[in-house]
Amino acid sequence: YPLDPVPTVGHDANYQRWVQAFQIMEAHPITSDTVVTANSKDVGYSFGRFCGIGIQGIGDLCGRYVATWKWTESGWKITVLSAHVHEDVLPADVTGQ
């Protein structure tokens, strides 16, 4: 599970990190608690909660994320994603179960 204190930068590097992460966990549910777009409709942000469920050797890790977005010719693209583990976020908070 990507827990490095150093950010992963770039599309290819992030893609590879998530491929690795999904190989060692059962599920990764998220919520979209808030989504905001600028009046210009070209940038926005969202935040919510996430859980890495059944991470090998760790168990469950849950927390909060914030993402900034920009509109491109091919649709919305994430420009920055920051996620941190928060002990007060539980799997049931994210899965609704």
Protein backbone atom coordinates (compact mmCIF):
# COMPACT_ATOMS: atom_id res chain seq x y z
CA TYR A 1 0.00 0.00 0.00
CA PRO A 2 1.50 3.37 -0.92
CA LEU A 3 2.52 4.80 2.46
CA ASP A 4 5.70 6.61 1.50
CA PRO A 5 6.28 10.04 3.07
CA VAL A 6 7.63 11.21 -0.31
CA PRO A 7 4.99 12.07 -2.93
CA THR A 8 4.69 9.94 -6.06
CA VAL A 9 4.86 12.31 -9.02
CA GLY A 10 3.77 11.72 -12.60
CA HIS A 11 1.08 9.69 -14.32
CA ASP A 12 3.16 6.57 -15.00
CA ALA A 13 4.66 6.46 -11.50
CA ASN A 14 1.24 6.86 -9.87
CA TYR A 15 -0.28 4.23 -12.14
CA GLN A 16 2.41 1.72 -11.15
CA ARG A 17 1.92 2.48 -7.43
CA TRP A 18 -1.81 1.77 -7.70
CA VAL A 19 -1.23 -1.43 -9.69
CA GLN A 20 1.03 -2.60 -6.85
CA ALA A 21 -1.47 -1.50 -4.20
CA PHE A 22 -4.38 -3.40 -5.72
CA GLN A 23 -2.27 -6.56 -5.78
CA ILE A 24 -2.04 -6.56 -1.97
CA MET A 25 -5.54 -5.45 -0.91
CA GLU A 26 -9.04 -6.82 -1.23
CA ALA A 27 -10.85 -3.54 -1.95
CA HIS A 28 -10.42 0.24 -1.96
CA PRO A 29 -13.81 1.94 -1.50
CA ILE A 30 -14.02 5.75 -1.44
CA THR A 31 -16.67 8.37 -0.83
CA SER A 32 -17.08 11.71 -2.58
CA ASP A 33 -18.32 13.82 0.31
CA THR A 34 -17.89 17.21 -1.36
CA VAL A 35 -17.33 18.24 -4.98
CA VAL A 36 -16.88 21.91 -5.90
CA THR A 37 -16.24 23.49 -9.30
CA ALA A 38 -15.22 27.06 -9.99
CA ASN A 39 -17.69 29.37 -11.72
CA SER A 40 -15.34 29.19 -14.71
CA LYS A 41 -15.97 25.40 -14.83
CA ASP A 42 -12.29 24.69 -15.56
CA VAL A 43 -11.02 23.72 -12.08
CA GLY A 44 -12.43 22.10 -9.00
CA TYR A 45 -11.75 20.07 -5.90
CA SER A 46 -13.26 17.14 -4.08
CA PHE A 47 -12.75 15.46 -0.77
CA GLY A 48 -13.96 12.39 1.02
CA ARG A 49 -12.93 9.21 2.82
CA PHE A 50 -11.18 6.04 1.68
CA CYS A 51 -10.25 2.60 2.99
CA GLY A 52 -7.70 0.07 1.91
CA ILE A 53 -9.51 -3.12 2.96
CA GLY A 54 -7.62 -6.32 3.74
CA ILE A 55 -4.10 -5.05 3.03
CA GLN A 56 -1.70 -7.98 3.28
CA GLY A 57 0.28 -7.82 6.52
CA ILE A 58 -1.50 -4.65 7.68
CA GLY A 59 -5.28 -5.07 7.70
CA ASP A 60 -7.49 -2.06 7.02
CA LEU A 61 -6.23 1.51 6.68
CA CYS A 62 -8.75 4.31 6.31
CA GLY A 63 -8.55 8.06 6.07
CA ARG A 64 -9.40 11.20 4.16
CA TYR A 65 -8.36 12.56 0.78
CA VAL A 66 -8.52 15.80 -1.14
CA ALA A 67 -8.14 16.06 -4.91
CA THR A 68 -7.82 19.08 -7.18
CA TRP A 69 -9.04 18.78 -10.76
CA LYS A 70 -8.76 20.63 -14.05
CA TRP A 71 -10.88 20.42 -17.18
CA THR A 72 -9.03 19.27 -20.29
CA GLU A 73 -10.09 18.50 -23.85
CA SER A 74 -10.47 14.84 -22.82
CA GLY A 75 -12.41 15.56 -19.60
CA TRP A 76 -11.64 16.11 -15.93
CA LYS A 77 -8.11 15.20 -14.79
CA ILE A 78 -6.71 15.06 -11.26
CA THR A 79 -3.90 17.58 -10.76
CA VAL A 80 -3.11 16.81 -7.10
CA LEU A 81 -4.28 13.97 -4.86
CA SER A 82 -3.39 13.89 -1.19
CA ALA A 83 -4.58 11.11 1.11
CA HIS A 84 -3.71 10.48 4.73
CA VAL A 85 -4.65 7.76 7.22
CA HIS A 86 -6.98 8.97 9.98
CA GLU A 87 -7.75 6.60 12.84
CA ASP A 88 -11.25 8.04 13.32
CA VAL A 89 -12.32 6.88 9.83
CA LEU A 90 -13.57 3.28 9.95
CA PRO A 91 -14.41 0.87 7.11
CA ALA A 92 -18.13 1.22 7.88
CA ASP A 93 -17.83 5.00 7.36
CA VAL A 94 -16.76 4.36 3.78
CA THR A 95 -18.65 1.21 2.82
CA GLY A 96 -21.90 2.07 4.62
CA GLN A 97 -22.01 -1.44 6.08
